[in-house]
Amino acid sequence: MIADRIVVVVPAHDERDLLPACTDALREAARRVAVPVQLVVVLDACTDGSADVLGPDVLAVHVDRRNVGAARAGGFAAVALGERTWCATTDADSTVTPTWLLDQLTHAARGADVVAGTVRVSDWAGQPVGLRQRYEAGYTDADGHRHVHGANLGLTASAYQRIGGFAPLAVHEDVDLVDRALRSGCTVAWTGDVVVHTSSRTAGRAPGGFAQHLADLAVAR
């Protein structure tokens, strides 16, 4: 697929402190592609003034669900998705690389319906001794990895709509989406060259998500 537009959705619940870095990184990634990019931040039950740190170029969608799957779905539902729209999603505690969107479009042009990238923890400072080693020992940061991260996911609008989009799941909404894409016959690029840097926090906004995974590793023996 050759995309003529990109829509990026970021769910956020009380992420005022981290959203500026997230959206700044997305703006830089948007400057690297030759097609228009619409940034959408879904403010899910925010009470910390997260909306105040979004620039005029960001579409703010307000929901009150406390549900990351519903938030991601609400972001894509708020904009028109054309036949050649590329849909991408990341998280508010994450920063994409400058070539994040360009790299996704490269895989799309090669025939990928879905691009599943990897994440790298941006800063291990303050975390328990041994956590980084345990995490990296169990993580494959290379092509063929088979990880699914809502913080680093993209797909064609036609695939997104055909499989029914994100389900209103409080956790693993990303895994559910990719599972349905695979069952529908979509081609998934399990790539190690599409990278997002994410927080090392162990108390996240979504129960059972990446932060919980790190919390579990922190107490593992």
N, C-alpha and C. Protein backbone atom coordinates (compact mmCIF):
# COMPACT_ATOMS: atom_id res chain seq x y z
N MET A 1 0.83 -1.19 0.00
CA MET A 1 0.00 0.00 0.00
C MET A 1 0.88 1.26 0.00
N ILE A 2 0.49 2.23 -0.81
CA ILE A 2 1.13 3.54 -0.82
C ILE A 2 0.18 4.51 -0.12
N ALA A 3 0.55 4.97 1.05
CA ALA A 3 -0.35 5.82 1.85
C ALA A 3 -0.36 7.25 1.34
N ASP A 4 -1.53 7.89 1.45
CA ASP A 4 -1.62 9.31 1.11
C ASP A 4 -1.95 10.16 2.34
N ARG A 5 -2.05 9.52 3.51
CA ARG A 5 -2.36 10.24 4.75
C ARG A 5 -2.06 9.30 5.92
N ILE A 6 -1.69 9.88 7.05
CA ILE A 6 -1.43 9.11 8.26
C ILE A 6 -2.23 9.70 9.40
N VAL A 7 -2.82 8.82 10.20
CA VAL A 7 -3.50 9.21 11.43
C VAL A 7 -2.79 8.51 12.58
N VAL A 8 -2.33 9.28 13.56
CA VAL A 8 -1.66 8.72 14.73
C VAL A 8 -2.51 8.99 15.96
N VAL A 9 -2.84 7.93 16.69
CA VAL A 9 -3.68 8.05 17.88
C VAL A 9 -2.86 7.74 19.13
N VAL A 10 -3.00 8.60 20.13
CA VAL A 10 -2.31 8.43 21.41
C VAL A 10 -3.35 8.49 22.53
N PRO A 11 -3.60 7.39 23.24
CA PRO A 11 -4.49 7.45 24.40
C PRO A 11 -3.73 8.03 25.60
N ALA A 12 -4.42 8.80 26.42
CA ALA A 12 -3.75 9.41 27.57
C ALA A 12 -4.71 9.54 28.74
N HIS A 13 -4.25 9.12 29.92
CA HIS A 13 -4.99 9.37 31.16
C HIS A 13 -4.04 10.05 32.14
N ASP A 14 -4.27 11.35 32.36
CA ASP A 14 -3.45 12.13 33.29
C ASP A 14 -1.96 12.00 32.96
N GLU A 15 -1.60 12.47 31.77
CA GLU A 15 -0.22 12.36 31.29
C GLU A 15 0.37 13.74 30.95
N ARG A 16 -0.04 14.77 31.68
CA ARG A 16 0.41 16.12 31.38
C ARG A 16 1.94 16.23 31.32
N ASP A 17 2.63 15.56 32.21
CA ASP A 17 4.08 15.69 32.28
C ASP A 17 4.80 15.03 31.11
N LEU A 18 4.21 13.97 30.56
CA LEU A 18 4.89 13.20 29.52
C LEU A 18 4.41 13.50 28.10
N LEU A 19 3.24 14.07 27.97
CA LEU A 19 2.68 14.31 26.63
C LEU A 19 3.54 15.24 25.76
N PRO A 20 4.12 16.31 26.30
CA PRO A 20 4.91 17.18 25.42
C PRO A 20 6.05 16.44 24.70
N ALA A 21 6.77 15.58 25.40
CA ALA A 21 7.84 14.83 24.75
C ALA A 21 7.28 13.89 23.70
N CYS A 22 6.15 13.27 24.01
CA CYS A 22 5.50 12.34 23.07
C CYS A 22 5.09 13.06 21.79
N THR A 23 4.38 14.18 21.93
CA THR A 23 3.90 14.88 20.74
C THR A 23 5.03 15.57 19.98
N ASP A 24 6.06 16.06 20.67
CA ASP A 24 7.21 16.64 19.97
C ASP A 24 7.88 15.60 19.10
N ALA A 25 8.05 14.39 19.62
CA ALA A 25 8.67 13.31 18.84
C ALA A 25 7.80 12.95 17.63
N LEU A 26 6.50 12.95 17.83
CA LEU A 26 5.60 12.63 16.71
C LEU A 26 5.66 13.72 15.64
N ARG A 27 5.77 14.97 16.05
CA ARG A 27 5.89 16.05 15.07
C ARG A 27 7.16 15.88 14.23
N GLU A 28 8.25 15.51 14.89
CA GLU A 28 9.50 15.29 14.15
C GLU A 28 9.34 14.13 13.17
N ALA A 29 8.70 13.06 13.60
CA ALA A 29 8.46 11.92 12.70
C ALA A 29 7.57 12.33 11.53
N ALA A 30 6.60 13.21 11.80
CA ALA A 30 5.70 13.66 10.74
C ALA A 30 6.43 14.49 9.70
N ARG A 31 7.46 15.22 10.13
CA ARG A 31 8.22 16.03 9.18
C ARG A 31 9.04 15.18 8.22
N ARG A 32 9.26 13.92 8.54
CA ARG A 32 10.10 13.05 7.71
C ARG A 32 9.32 12.36 6.59
N VAL A 33 7.99 12.49 6.60
CA VAL A 33 7.19 11.83 5.56
C VAL A 33 6.58 12.87 4.63
N ALA A 34 6.22 12.42 3.45
CA ALA A 34 5.75 13.34 2.41
C ALA A 34 4.23 13.42 2.33
N VAL A 35 3.56 12.85 3.32
CA VAL A 35 2.09 12.88 3.32
C VAL A 35 1.60 13.57 4.59
N PRO A 36 0.37 14.11 4.58
CA PRO A 36 -0.15 14.78 5.78
C PRO A 36 -0.30 13.80 6.94
N VAL A 37 -0.05 14.31 8.15
CA VAL A 37 -0.16 13.50 9.36
C VAL A 37 -1.11 14.20 10.33
N GLN A 38 -2.13 13.49 10.76
CA GLN A 38 -3.06 14.00 11.76
C GLN A 38 -2.74 13.37 13.11
N LEU A 39 -2.38 14.18 14.10
CA LEU A 39 -2.12 13.69 15.44
C LEU A 39 -3.39 13.80 16.27
N VAL A 40 -3.76 12.70 16.90
CA VAL A 40 -4.97 12.65 17.72
C VAL A 40 -4.59 12.15 19.11
N VAL A 41 -4.88 12.95 20.13
CA VAL A 41 -4.67 12.52 21.51
C VAL A 41 -6.03 12.33 22.15
N VAL A 42 -6.26 11.14 22.66
CA VAL A 42 -7.54 10.83 23.30
C VAL A 42 -7.36 11.00 24.81
N LEU A 43 -7.97 12.01 25.36
CA LEU A 43 -7.87 12.33 26.78
C LEU A 43 -8.96 11.57 27.51
N ASP A 44 -8.55 10.49 28.15
CA ASP A 44 -9.50 9.57 28.79
C ASP A 44 -9.59 9.87 30.28
N ALA A 45 -10.66 10.51 30.69
CA ALA A 45 -10.91 10.84 32.10
C ALA A 45 -9.74 11.61 32.71
N CYS A 46 -9.19 12.55 31.97
CA CYS A 46 -8.05 13.34 32.46
C CYS A 46 -8.52 14.43 33.42
N THR A 47 -7.80 14.57 34.51
CA THR A 47 -8.12 15.59 35.51
C THR A 47 -6.92 16.48 35.82
N ASP A 48 -5.82 16.29 35.10
CA ASP A 48 -4.57 16.99 35.42
C ASP A 48 -4.23 18.11 34.45
N GLY A 49 -5.16 18.47 33.58
CA GLY A 49 -4.88 19.52 32.61
C GLY A 49 -4.07 19.05 31.43
N SER A 50 -4.14 17.76 31.11
CA SER A 50 -3.38 17.24 29.97
C SER A 50 -3.70 17.99 28.67
N ALA A 51 -4.94 18.42 28.52
CA ALA A 51 -5.34 19.13 27.30
C ALA A 51 -4.56 20.42 27.12
N ASP A 52 -4.10 21.02 28.21
CA ASP A 52 -3.43 22.32 28.13
C ASP A 52 -2.05 22.23 27.49
N VAL A 53 -1.46 21.05 27.43
CA VAL A 53 -0.11 20.93 26.88
C VAL A 53 -0.12 20.45 25.42
N LEU A 54 -1.30 20.32 24.84
CA LEU A 54 -1.40 19.92 23.44
C LEU A 54 -1.40 21.16 22.55
N GLY A 55 -0.66 21.12 21.48
CA GLY A 55 -0.63 22.25 20.57
C GLY A 55 -1.85 22.29 19.67
N PRO A 56 -2.02 23.38 18.91
CA PRO A 56 -3.18 23.53 18.03
C PRO A 56 -3.21 22.54 16.88
N ASP A 57 -2.07 21.89 16.62
CA ASP A 57 -2.01 20.91 15.54
C ASP A 57 -2.49 19.53 15.97
N VAL A 58 -2.80 19.38 17.25
CA VAL A 58 -3.25 18.08 17.78
C VAL A 58 -4.76 18.10 17.99
N LEU A 59 -5.42 17.10 17.45
CA LEU A 59 -6.85 16.95 17.70
C LEU A 59 -7.05 16.28 19.04
N ALA A 60 -7.70 16.96 19.97
CA ALA A 60 -7.97 16.40 21.29
C ALA A 60 -9.37 15.80 21.31
N VAL A 61 -9.44 14.54 21.67
CA VAL A 61 -10.72 13.83 21.78
C VAL A 61 -10.92 13.48 23.26
N HIS A 62 -12.04 13.89 23.82
CA HIS A 62 -12.31 13.67 25.23
C HIS A 62 -13.27 12.49 25.40
N VAL A 63 -12.87 11.51 26.20
CA VAL A 63 -13.73 10.39 26.56
C VAL A 63 -13.63 10.18 28.06
N ASP A 64 -14.53 9.39 28.59
CA ASP A 64 -14.52 9.10 30.03
C ASP A 64 -14.78 7.61 30.22
N ARG A 65 -13.77 6.82 29.80
CA ARG A 65 -13.94 5.38 29.81
C ARG A 65 -12.96 4.66 30.73
N ARG A 66 -11.81 5.24 30.98
CA ARG A 66 -10.72 4.56 31.70
C ARG A 66 -10.49 3.18 31.09
N ASN A 67 -10.38 3.16 29.79
CA ASN A 67 -10.26 1.92 29.04
C ASN A 67 -9.41 2.20 27.81
N VAL A 68 -8.22 1.61 27.74
CA VAL A 68 -7.29 1.97 26.68
C VAL A 68 -7.78 1.52 25.31
N GLY A 69 -8.45 0.37 25.25
CA GLY A 69 -8.98 -0.08 23.96
C GLY A 69 -10.03 0.87 23.44
N ALA A 70 -10.93 1.29 24.31
CA ALA A 70 -11.98 2.24 23.91
C ALA A 70 -11.37 3.58 23.52
N ALA A 71 -10.31 3.98 24.22
CA ALA A 71 -9.66 5.25 23.90
C ALA A 71 -9.01 5.20 22.51
N ARG A 72 -8.28 4.13 22.23
CA ARG A 72 -7.67 4.03 20.90
C ARG A 72 -8.76 4.01 19.82
N ALA A 73 -9.80 3.24 20.05
CA ALA A 73 -10.89 3.17 19.08
C ALA A 73 -11.53 4.54 18.89
N GLY A 74 -11.72 5.27 19.99
CA GLY A 74 -12.33 6.59 19.91
C GLY A 74 -11.50 7.57 19.11
N GLY A 75 -10.19 7.43 19.19
CA GLY A 75 -9.33 8.31 18.40
C GLY A 75 -9.49 8.09 16.91
N PHE A 76 -9.51 6.84 16.50
CA PHE A 76 -9.67 6.56 15.07
C PHE A 76 -11.09 6.86 14.59
N ALA A 77 -12.07 6.71 15.47
CA ALA A 77 -13.45 7.01 15.10
C ALA A 77 -13.68 8.51 14.92
N ALA A 78 -12.80 9.32 15.48
CA ALA A 78 -12.99 10.77 15.44
C ALA A 78 -12.54 11.41 14.13
N VAL A 79 -11.89 10.64 13.28
CA VAL A 79 -11.40 11.18 12.01
C VAL A 79 -11.84 10.27 10.86
N ALA A 80 -11.82 10.83 9.67
CA ALA A 80 -12.18 10.06 8.49
C ALA A 80 -10.98 9.22 8.06
N LEU A 81 -11.21 7.95 7.85
CA LEU A 81 -10.16 7.04 7.41
C LEU A 81 -10.41 6.69 5.95
N GLY A 82 -9.55 7.17 5.08
CA GLY A 82 -9.69 6.88 3.67
C GLY A 82 -9.09 5.56 3.29
N GLU A 83 -9.28 5.18 2.04
CA GLU A 83 -8.80 3.88 1.56
C GLU A 83 -7.29 3.76 1.66
N ARG A 84 -6.58 4.89 1.54
CA ARG A 84 -5.12 4.86 1.58
C ARG A 84 -4.56 5.52 2.83
N THR A 85 -5.36 5.55 3.89
CA THR A 85 -4.88 6.09 5.17
C THR A 85 -4.08 5.03 5.91
N TRP A 86 -2.97 5.45 6.49
CA TRP A 86 -2.19 4.58 7.37
C TRP A 86 -2.52 4.95 8.80
N CYS A 87 -2.88 3.96 9.61
CA CYS A 87 -3.24 4.17 11.02
C CYS A 87 -2.07 3.75 11.90
N ALA A 88 -1.67 4.63 12.80
CA ALA A 88 -0.57 4.30 13.72
C ALA A 88 -0.98 4.69 15.12
N THR A 89 -0.41 4.00 16.10
CA THR A 89 -0.73 4.33 17.49
C THR A 89 0.50 4.13 18.36
N THR A 90 0.61 5.02 19.35
CA THR A 90 1.67 4.91 20.35
C THR A 90 1.08 5.30 21.70
N ASP A 91 1.92 5.43 22.72
CA ASP A 91 1.44 5.74 24.07
C ASP A 91 2.02 7.07 24.55
N ALA A 92 1.35 7.66 25.52
CA ALA A 92 1.73 8.99 26.00
C ALA A 92 3.04 8.98 26.77
N ASP A 93 3.44 7.83 27.31
CA ASP A 93 4.71 7.76 28.04
C ASP A 93 5.85 7.29 27.14
N SER A 94 5.65 7.41 25.84
CA SER A 94 6.63 6.92 24.88
C SER A 94 7.03 8.01 23.89
N THR A 95 8.21 7.87 23.33
CA THR A 95 8.66 8.77 22.27
C THR A 95 9.11 7.95 21.07
N VAL A 96 8.57 8.29 19.92
CA VAL A 96 8.92 7.57 18.70
C VAL A 96 10.24 8.10 18.15
N THR A 97 10.90 7.29 17.34
CA THR A 97 12.12 7.74 16.68
C THR A 97 11.77 8.68 15.53
N PRO A 98 12.72 9.49 15.07
CA PRO A 98 12.42 10.42 13.98
C PRO A 98 11.94 9.74 12.70
N THR A 99 12.38 8.51 12.45
CA THR A 99 11.97 7.82 11.22
C THR A 99 10.83 6.83 11.45
N TRP A 100 10.14 6.93 12.59
CA TRP A 100 9.11 5.97 12.96
C TRP A 100 8.04 5.82 11.87
N LEU A 101 7.48 6.92 11.44
CA LEU A 101 6.43 6.85 10.42
C LEU A 101 7.00 6.47 9.06
N LEU A 102 8.15 7.01 8.72
CA LEU A 102 8.78 6.67 7.45
C LEU A 102 9.07 5.17 7.37
N ASP A 103 9.55 4.61 8.46
CA ASP A 103 9.85 3.17 8.49
C ASP A 103 8.58 2.34 8.35
N GLN A 104 7.51 2.77 9.01
CA GLN A 104 6.25 2.04 8.86
C GLN A 104 5.76 2.07 7.42
N LEU A 105 5.84 3.25 6.79
CA LEU A 105 5.38 3.35 5.40
C LEU A 105 6.24 2.52 4.46
N THR A 106 7.51 2.38 4.79
CA THR A 106 8.38 1.53 3.97
C THR A 106 7.89 0.09 3.98
N HIS A 107 7.53 -0.41 5.16
CA HIS A 107 7.00 -1.77 5.25
C HIS A 107 5.64 -1.88 4.57
N ALA A 108 4.82 -0.83 4.68
CA ALA A 108 3.53 -0.85 4.01
C ALA A 108 3.70 -0.91 2.50
N ALA A 109 4.66 -0.17 1.97
CA ALA A 109 4.91 -0.19 0.53
C ALA A 109 5.40 -1.55 0.05
N ARG A 110 5.99 -2.32 0.97
CA ARG A 110 6.46 -3.66 0.63
C ARG A 110 5.36 -4.71 0.78
N GLY A 111 4.18 -4.28 1.20
CA GLY A 111 3.04 -5.20 1.26
C GLY A 111 2.53 -5.53 2.64
N ALA A 112 3.09 -4.94 3.68
CA ALA A 112 2.61 -5.23 5.03
C ALA A 112 1.27 -4.54 5.27
N ASP A 113 0.32 -5.30 5.81
CA ASP A 113 -0.95 -4.72 6.25
C ASP A 113 -0.83 -4.18 7.66
N VAL A 114 0.04 -4.81 8.44
CA VAL A 114 0.26 -4.44 9.85
C VAL A 114 1.76 -4.38 10.10
N VAL A 115 2.20 -3.37 10.85
CA VAL A 115 3.60 -3.27 11.25
C VAL A 115 3.65 -3.30 12.78
N ALA A 116 4.32 -4.32 13.31
CA ALA A 116 4.49 -4.47 14.75
C ALA A 116 5.96 -4.24 15.07
N GLY A 117 6.25 -3.12 15.75
CA GLY A 117 7.62 -2.78 16.07
C GLY A 117 8.00 -3.18 17.48
N THR A 118 9.17 -2.74 17.90
CA THR A 118 9.68 -3.08 19.22
C THR A 118 9.75 -1.82 20.09
N VAL A 119 9.94 -2.04 21.39
CA VAL A 119 10.12 -0.92 22.31
C VAL A 119 11.45 -1.07 23.04
N ARG A 120 12.02 0.06 23.37
CA ARG A 120 13.24 0.10 24.18
C ARG A 120 12.98 1.03 25.35
N VAL A 121 13.33 0.58 26.52
CA VAL A 121 13.13 1.41 27.71
C VAL A 121 14.10 2.58 27.66
N SER A 122 13.56 3.78 27.85
CA SER A 122 14.35 4.99 27.65
C SER A 122 15.33 5.27 28.77
N ASP A 123 14.99 4.89 30.01
CA ASP A 123 15.86 5.22 31.14
C ASP A 123 15.58 4.25 32.28
N TRP A 124 16.61 3.51 32.69
CA TRP A 124 16.46 2.54 33.76
C TRP A 124 16.80 3.12 35.13
N ALA A 125 17.11 4.41 35.19
CA ALA A 125 17.52 5.03 36.46
C ALA A 125 16.42 4.87 37.51
N GLY A 126 16.82 4.51 38.72
CA GLY A 126 15.88 4.39 39.82
C GLY A 126 15.17 3.06 39.90
N GLN A 127 15.43 2.18 38.95
CA GLN A 127 14.78 0.87 38.95
C GLN A 127 15.64 -0.15 39.72
N PRO A 128 15.01 -1.21 40.22
CA PRO A 128 15.75 -2.20 41.01
C PRO A 128 16.93 -2.81 40.25
N VAL A 129 17.97 -3.13 40.99
CA VAL A 129 19.13 -3.79 40.41
C VAL A 129 18.70 -5.11 39.77
N GLY A 130 19.12 -5.33 38.58
CA GLY A 130 18.81 -6.59 37.89
C GLY A 130 17.59 -6.52 37.00
N LEU A 131 16.75 -5.46 37.13
CA LEU A 131 15.55 -5.40 36.31
C LEU A 131 15.87 -5.30 34.83
N ARG A 132 16.81 -4.44 34.49
CA ARG A 132 17.16 -4.30 33.07
C ARG A 132 17.66 -5.61 32.50
N GLN A 133 18.51 -6.32 33.24
CA GLN A 133 19.06 -7.57 32.74
C GLN A 133 17.96 -8.62 32.55
N ARG A 134 17.04 -8.70 33.52
CA ARG A 134 15.95 -9.68 33.39
C ARG A 134 15.05 -9.33 32.21
N TYR A 135 14.78 -8.05 32.03
CA TYR A 135 13.92 -7.64 30.92
C TYR A 135 14.59 -7.96 29.58
N GLU A 136 15.83 -7.53 29.41
CA GLU A 136 16.50 -7.71 28.13
C GLU A 136 16.76 -9.18 27.82
N ALA A 137 16.92 -10.00 28.85
CA ALA A 137 17.15 -11.43 28.63
C ALA A 137 15.92 -12.10 28.02
N GLY A 138 14.74 -11.56 28.27
CA GLY A 138 13.53 -12.18 27.77
C GLY A 138 12.88 -11.45 26.62
N TYR A 139 13.60 -10.49 26.03
CA TYR A 139 13.02 -9.67 24.97
C TYR A 139 13.83 -9.78 23.70
N THR A 140 13.16 -10.04 22.58
CA THR A 140 13.82 -10.13 21.28
C THR A 140 13.64 -8.83 20.53
N ASP A 141 14.72 -8.07 20.37
CA ASP A 141 14.68 -6.79 19.68
C ASP A 141 15.25 -6.95 18.28
N ALA A 142 14.54 -7.72 17.45
CA ALA A 142 15.03 -8.02 16.10
C ALA A 142 13.85 -8.45 15.23
N ASP A 143 14.09 -8.54 13.94
CA ASP A 143 13.05 -9.00 13.03
C ASP A 143 12.54 -10.37 13.46
N GLY A 144 11.22 -10.58 13.29
CA GLY A 144 10.61 -11.84 13.67
C GLY A 144 10.31 -11.96 15.14
N HIS A 145 10.30 -10.87 15.88
CA HIS A 145 10.22 -10.88 17.34
C HIS A 145 8.91 -11.41 17.91
N ARG A 146 7.78 -11.11 17.30
CA ARG A 146 6.45 -11.54 17.74
C ARG A 146 5.93 -10.79 18.98
N HIS A 147 6.52 -9.65 19.30
CA HIS A 147 5.95 -8.82 20.36
C HIS A 147 4.85 -7.94 19.76
N VAL A 148 3.87 -7.59 20.59
CA VAL A 148 2.83 -6.65 20.18
C VAL A 148 2.77 -5.55 21.23
N HIS A 149 2.96 -4.31 20.78
CA HIS A 149 2.92 -3.16 21.67
C HIS A 149 1.98 -2.11 21.10
N GLY A 150 1.01 -1.68 21.89
CA GLY A 150 0.19 -0.55 21.47
C GLY A 150 1.02 0.70 21.29
N ALA A 151 2.17 0.76 21.93
CA ALA A 151 3.07 1.90 21.79
C ALA A 151 3.77 1.94 20.45
N ASN A 152 3.69 0.85 19.68
CA ASN A 152 4.42 0.79 18.41
C ASN A 152 3.70 -0.12 17.43
N LEU A 153 2.64 0.41 16.88
CA LEU A 153 1.78 -0.40 16.03
C LEU A 153 1.23 0.46 14.89
N GLY A 154 1.16 -0.12 13.70
CA GLY A 154 0.57 0.57 12.56
C GLY A 154 -0.12 -0.42 11.64
N LEU A 155 -1.12 0.05 10.93
CA LEU A 155 -1.82 -0.82 9.98
C LEU A 155 -2.60 0.01 8.99
N THR A 156 -2.97 -0.61 7.89
CA THR A 156 -3.77 0.08 6.88
C THR A 156 -5.17 0.33 7.42
N ALA A 157 -5.78 1.40 6.96
CA ALA A 157 -7.15 1.69 7.37
C ALA A 157 -8.10 0.59 6.91
N SER A 158 -7.85 0.02 5.74
CA SER A 158 -8.74 -1.04 5.25
C SER A 158 -8.68 -2.25 6.15
N ALA A 159 -7.47 -2.61 6.63
CA ALA A 159 -7.36 -3.73 7.56
C ALA A 159 -8.02 -3.38 8.89
N TYR A 160 -7.78 -2.18 9.37
CA TYR A 160 -8.36 -1.76 10.65
C TYR A 160 -9.89 -1.85 10.62
N GLN A 161 -10.47 -1.35 9.54
CA GLN A 161 -11.93 -1.36 9.44
C GLN A 161 -12.47 -2.76 9.20
N ARG A 162 -11.76 -3.56 8.42
CA ARG A 162 -12.23 -4.91 8.10
C ARG A 162 -12.32 -5.78 9.35
N ILE A 163 -11.37 -5.62 10.28
CA ILE A 163 -11.38 -6.47 11.47
C ILE A 163 -12.13 -5.84 12.64
N GLY A 164 -12.68 -4.65 12.43
CA GLY A 164 -13.53 -4.05 13.45
C GLY A 164 -12.83 -3.13 14.42
N GLY A 165 -11.57 -2.78 14.15
CA GLY A 165 -10.85 -1.83 14.98
C GLY A 165 -10.53 -2.35 16.37
N PHE A 166 -10.11 -1.44 17.24
CA PHE A 166 -9.77 -1.82 18.61
C PHE A 166 -11.04 -2.16 19.40
N ALA A 167 -10.97 -3.25 20.14
CA ALA A 167 -12.06 -3.62 21.03
C ALA A 167 -11.92 -2.86 22.34
N PRO A 168 -13.03 -2.61 23.05
CA PRO A 168 -12.97 -1.86 24.32
C PRO A 168 -12.43 -2.72 25.46
N LEU A 169 -11.17 -3.09 25.34
CA LEU A 169 -10.53 -3.92 26.35
C LEU A 169 -9.62 -3.06 27.22
N ALA A 170 -9.64 -3.30 28.52
CA ALA A 170 -8.82 -2.52 29.45
C ALA A 170 -7.35 -2.91 29.39
N VAL A 171 -7.07 -4.07 28.81
CA VAL A 171 -5.69 -4.53 28.68
C VAL A 171 -5.61 -5.48 27.50
N HIS A 172 -4.44 -5.53 26.86
CA HIS A 172 -4.16 -6.41 25.72
C HIS A 172 -5.06 -6.13 24.52
N GLU A 173 -5.51 -4.90 24.41
CA GLU A 173 -6.30 -4.51 23.23
C GLU A 173 -5.44 -4.58 21.97
N ASP A 174 -4.13 -4.35 22.12
CA ASP A 174 -3.22 -4.41 20.99
C ASP A 174 -3.02 -5.85 20.50
N VAL A 175 -2.84 -6.77 21.45
CA VAL A 175 -2.69 -8.18 21.10
C VAL A 175 -3.96 -8.71 20.43
N ASP A 176 -5.10 -8.32 20.97
CA ASP A 176 -6.38 -8.73 20.40
C ASP A 176 -6.52 -8.26 18.96
N LEU A 177 -6.13 -7.00 18.70
CA LEU A 177 -6.24 -6.45 17.35
C LEU A 177 -5.36 -7.23 16.38
N VAL A 178 -4.12 -7.49 16.76
CA VAL A 178 -3.20 -8.20 15.87
C VAL A 178 -3.64 -9.65 15.68
N ASP A 179 -4.16 -10.28 16.72
CA ASP A 179 -4.67 -11.64 16.58
C ASP A 179 -5.78 -11.69 15.54
N ARG A 180 -6.70 -10.73 15.60
CA ARG A 180 -7.79 -10.71 14.62
C ARG A 180 -7.28 -10.39 13.22
N ALA A 181 -6.26 -9.55 13.14
CA ALA A 181 -5.66 -9.25 11.84
C ALA A 181 -5.04 -10.50 11.22
N LEU A 182 -4.33 -11.27 12.03
CA LEU A 182 -3.74 -12.51 11.54
C LEU A 182 -4.80 -13.49 11.08
N ARG A 183 -5.85 -13.62 11.88
CA ARG A 183 -6.92 -14.56 11.50
C ARG A 183 -7.62 -14.14 10.22
N SER A 184 -7.61 -12.84 9.93
CA SER A 184 -8.28 -12.36 8.72
C SER A 184 -7.38 -12.47 7.49
N GLY A 185 -6.15 -12.90 7.69
CA GLY A 185 -5.23 -13.07 6.57
C GLY A 185 -4.31 -11.90 6.30
N CYS A 186 -4.24 -10.95 7.22
CA CYS A 186 -3.35 -9.81 7.05
C CYS A 186 -1.88 -10.23 7.11
N THR A 187 -1.07 -9.52 6.37
CA THR A 187 0.38 -9.70 6.42
C THR A 187 0.95 -8.80 7.49
N VAL A 188 1.65 -9.38 8.46
CA VAL A 188 2.23 -8.62 9.57
C VAL A 188 3.74 -8.58 9.42
N ALA A 189 4.30 -7.38 9.47
CA ALA A 189 5.76 -7.21 9.49
C ALA A 189 6.20 -7.14 10.95
N TRP A 190 6.83 -8.20 11.43
CA TRP A 190 7.37 -8.25 12.79
C TRP A 190 8.79 -7.69 12.72
N THR A 191 8.92 -6.39 12.82
CA THR A 191 10.18 -5.75 12.48
C THR A 191 10.92 -5.20 13.69
N GLY A 192 12.23 -5.30 13.64
CA GLY A 192 13.06 -4.74 14.68
C GLY A 192 13.58 -3.36 14.34
N ASP A 193 13.25 -2.84 13.14
CA ASP A 193 13.78 -1.54 12.74
C ASP A 193 12.78 -0.41 12.93
N VAL A 194 11.61 -0.70 13.45
CA VAL A 194 10.64 0.34 13.81
C VAL A 194 10.61 0.38 15.33
N VAL A 195 11.15 1.45 15.90
CA VAL A 195 11.46 1.48 17.33
C VAL A 195 10.77 2.64 18.03
N VAL A 196 10.30 2.37 19.25
CA VAL A 196 9.75 3.39 20.13
C VAL A 196 10.43 3.27 21.49
N HIS A 197 10.77 4.39 22.08
CA HIS A 197 11.36 4.42 23.42
C HIS A 197 10.24 4.67 24.43
N THR A 198 10.20 3.87 25.48
CA THR A 198 9.10 3.96 26.42
C THR A 198 9.60 4.06 27.86
N SER A 199 8.68 4.43 28.74
CA SER A 199 9.01 4.66 30.14
C SER A 199 9.32 3.35 30.87
N SER A 200 10.16 3.46 31.89
CA SER A 200 10.46 2.30 32.73
C SER A 200 9.58 2.27 33.97
N ARG A 201 8.54 3.08 34.01
CA ARG A 201 7.72 3.10 35.22
C ARG A 201 7.04 1.75 35.43
N THR A 202 6.88 1.39 36.68
CA THR A 202 6.26 0.11 37.03
C THR A 202 4.85 0.28 37.57
N ALA A 203 4.36 1.51 37.56
CA ALA A 203 2.96 1.78 37.92
C ALA A 203 2.35 2.52 36.75
N GLY A 204 1.72 1.78 35.86
CA GLY A 204 1.20 2.36 34.63
C GLY A 204 -0.25 2.75 34.73
N ARG A 205 -0.76 3.26 33.62
CA ARG A 205 -2.15 3.71 33.56
C ARG A 205 -3.12 2.56 33.24
N ALA A 206 -2.63 1.54 32.54
CA ALA A 206 -3.48 0.41 32.17
C ALA A 206 -3.06 -0.81 32.98
N PRO A 207 -3.97 -1.41 33.73
CA PRO A 207 -3.62 -2.61 34.50
C PRO A 207 -3.21 -3.75 33.58
N GLY A 208 -2.12 -4.44 33.96
CA GLY A 208 -1.71 -5.57 33.16
C GLY A 208 -0.93 -5.23 31.92
N GLY A 209 -0.55 -3.95 31.74
CA GLY A 209 0.18 -3.54 30.56
C GLY A 209 1.68 -3.67 30.73
N PHE A 210 2.43 -2.86 29.95
CA PHE A 210 3.89 -2.96 29.96
C PHE A 210 4.47 -2.63 31.34
N ALA A 211 3.91 -1.62 32.01
CA ALA A 211 4.40 -1.26 33.34
C ALA A 211 4.23 -2.42 34.32
N GLN A 212 3.12 -3.13 34.21
CA GLN A 212 2.91 -4.28 35.08
C GLN A 212 3.91 -5.39 34.77
N HIS A 213 4.23 -5.55 33.50
CA HIS A 213 5.24 -6.54 33.13
C HIS A 213 6.57 -6.21 33.80
N LEU A 214 6.96 -4.94 33.78
CA LEU A 214 8.21 -4.55 34.45
C LEU A 214 8.11 -4.74 35.95
N ALA A 215 6.93 -4.42 36.53
CA ALA A 215 6.75 -4.61 37.97
C ALA A 215 6.90 -6.07 38.35
N ASP A 216 6.36 -6.96 37.52
CA ASP A 216 6.48 -8.40 37.80
C ASP A 216 7.94 -8.85 37.71
N LEU A 217 8.67 -8.33 36.72
CA LEU A 217 10.08 -8.69 36.60
C LEU A 217 10.89 -8.15 37.77
N ALA A 218 10.47 -7.00 38.29
CA ALA A 218 11.22 -6.38 39.39
C ALA A 218 11.22 -7.24 40.65
N VAL A 219 10.20 -8.06 40.84
CA VAL A 219 10.10 -8.89 42.02
C VAL A 219 10.40 -10.36 41.72
N ALA A 220 10.73 -10.64 40.46
CA ALA A 220 11.02 -12.02 40.07
C ALA A 220 12.33 -12.48 40.67
N ARG A 221 12.41 -13.76 40.96
CA ARG A 221 13.64 -14.36 41.50
C ARG A 221 14.05 -15.56 40.65
